[in-house]
C-alpha atoms as a PDB file:
ATOM      1  CA  UNK A   1      90.676  88.848 101.004  1.00  0.00           C
ATOM      2  CA  UNK A   2      91.272  89.494 104.683  1.00  0.00           C
ATOM      3  CA  UNK A   3      89.672  88.162 107.818  1.00  0.00           C
ATOM      4  CA  UNK A   4      89.557  90.984 110.316  1.00  0.00           C
ATOM      5  CA  UNK A   5      89.336  89.887 113.961  1.00  0.00           C
ATOM      6  CA  UNK A   6      87.735  92.460 116.208  1.00  0.00           C
ATOM      7  CA  UNK A   7      88.236  90.846 119.591  1.00  0.00           C
ATOM      8  CA  UNK A   8      84.856  89.107 119.584  1.00  0.00           C
ATOM      9  CA  UNK A   9      83.329  86.074 117.915  1.00  0.00           C
ATOM     10  CA  UNK A  10      81.821  88.472 115.343  1.00  0.00           C
ATOM     11  CA  UNK A  11      84.689  88.640 112.841  1.00  0.00           C
ATOM     12  CA  UNK A  12      84.468  90.101 109.340  1.00  0.00           C
ATOM     13  CA  UNK A  13      85.782  89.090 105.961  1.00  0.00           C
ATOM     14  CA  UNK A  14      86.740  91.802 103.465  1.00  0.00           C
ATOM     15  CA  UNK A  15      87.091  90.768  99.838  1.00  0.00           C
ATOM     16  CA  UNK A  16      86.318  91.597  96.227  1.00  0.00           C
ATOM     17  CA  UNK A  17      85.358  88.212  94.778  1.00  0.00           C
ATOM     18  CA  UNK A  18      81.659  87.440  95.211  1.00  0.00           C
ATOM     19  CA  UNK A  19      82.050  83.666  95.121  1.00  0.00           C
ATOM     20  CA  UNK A  20      85.411  82.946  96.724  1.00  0.00           C
ATOM     21  CA  UNK A  21      85.486  85.784  99.262  1.00  0.00           C
ATOM     22  CA  UNK A  22      81.910  86.821 100.028  1.00  0.00           C
ATOM     23  CA  UNK A  23      80.283  83.433  99.437  1.00  0.00           C
ATOM     24  CA  UNK A  24      83.023  81.661 101.353  1.00  0.00           C
ATOM     25  CA  UNK A  25      82.863  84.126 104.226  1.00  0.00           C
ATOM     26  CA  UNK A  26      79.090  83.799 104.477  1.00  0.00           C
ATOM     27  CA  UNK A  27      79.387  79.988 104.397  1.00  0.00           C
ATOM     28  CA  UNK A  28      81.856  80.219 107.294  1.00  0.00           C
ATOM     29  CA  UNK A  29      79.416  82.354 109.272  1.00  0.00           C
ATOM     30  CA  UNK A  30      81.399  85.591 108.970  1.00  0.00           C
ATOM     31  CA  UNK A  31      79.983  89.049 108.353  1.00  0.00           C
ATOM     32  CA  UNK A  32      81.230  90.307 105.000  1.00  0.00           C
ATOM     33  CA  UNK A  33      82.337  93.550 103.366  1.00  0.00           C
ATOM     34  CA  UNK A  34      82.540  93.455  99.574  1.00  0.00           C
ATOM     35  CA  UNK A  35      84.870  95.894  97.848  1.00  0.00           C
ATOM     36  CA  UNK A  36      82.789  96.250  94.702  1.00  0.00           C
ATOM     37  CA  UNK A  37      84.921  97.058  91.663  1.00  0.00           C
ATOM     38  CA  UNK A  38      82.240  96.582  89.001  1.00  0.00           C
ATOM     39  CA  UNK A  39      83.541  93.127  88.117  1.00  0.00           C
ATOM     40  CA  UNK A  40      80.147  91.500  88.702  1.00  0.00           C
ATOM     41  CA  UNK A  41      77.666  94.053  87.255  1.00  0.00           C
ATOM     42  CA  UNK A  42      74.642  91.744  86.945  1.00  0.00           C
ATOM     43  CA  UNK A  43      75.353  89.549  89.962  1.00  0.00           C
ATOM     44  CA  UNK A  44      73.415  89.880  93.206  1.00  0.00           C
ATOM     45  CA  UNK A  45      75.455  89.508  96.372  1.00  0.00           C
ATOM     46  CA  UNK A  46      74.752  88.709  99.991  1.00  0.00           C
ATOM     47  CA  UNK A  47      77.491  90.847 101.508  1.00  0.00           C
ATOM     48  CA  UNK A  48      76.584  92.682 104.700  1.00  0.00           C
ATOM     49  CA  UNK A  49      78.186  95.803 103.220  1.00  0.00           C
ATOM     50  CA  UNK A  50      79.295  96.809  99.715  1.00  0.00           C
ATOM     51  CA  UNK A  51      81.858  99.591  99.345  1.00  0.00           C
ATOM     52  CA  UNK A  52      83.863 101.192  96.548  1.00  0.00           C
ATOM     53  CA  UNK A  53      87.319 100.976  98.108  1.00  0.00           C
ATOM     54  CA  UNK A  54      89.414  99.852 101.031  1.00  0.00           C
ATOM     55  CA  UNK A  55      89.070 103.179 102.834  1.00  0.00           C
ATOM     56  CA  UNK A  56      85.298 102.765 102.986  1.00  0.00           C
ATOM     57  CA  UNK A  57      85.770  99.190 104.227  1.00  0.00           C
ATOM     58  CA  UNK A  58      88.027 100.492 106.992  1.00  0.00           C
ATOM     59  CA  UNK A  59      85.375 103.040 108.014  1.00  0.00           C
ATOM     60  CA  UNK A  60      82.830 100.251 108.363  1.00  0.00           C
ATOM     61  CA  UNK A  61      85.221  98.053 110.338  1.00  0.00           C
ATOM     62  CA  UNK A  62      86.133 100.871 112.712  1.00  0.00           C
ATOM     63  CA  UNK A  63      82.521 101.978 113.093  1.00  0.00           C
ATOM     64  CA  UNK A  64      81.225  98.530 114.118  1.00  0.00           C
ATOM     65  CA  UNK A  65      83.543  97.847 117.024  1.00  0.00           C
END
């Protein structure tokens, strides 16, 4: 899990655990990026973005500044 400040009040949380990372980030009011590793195949998520790896997460973070 990482909280990524972007210089505004609109920070993001990047994580791979749907409950601890994504659920916690959403509860804290953060936008979320889930690195989906297939660990939760039947679980719905509320992440703003779902990606396969850290490189894709970085592309999203750099593209939203």
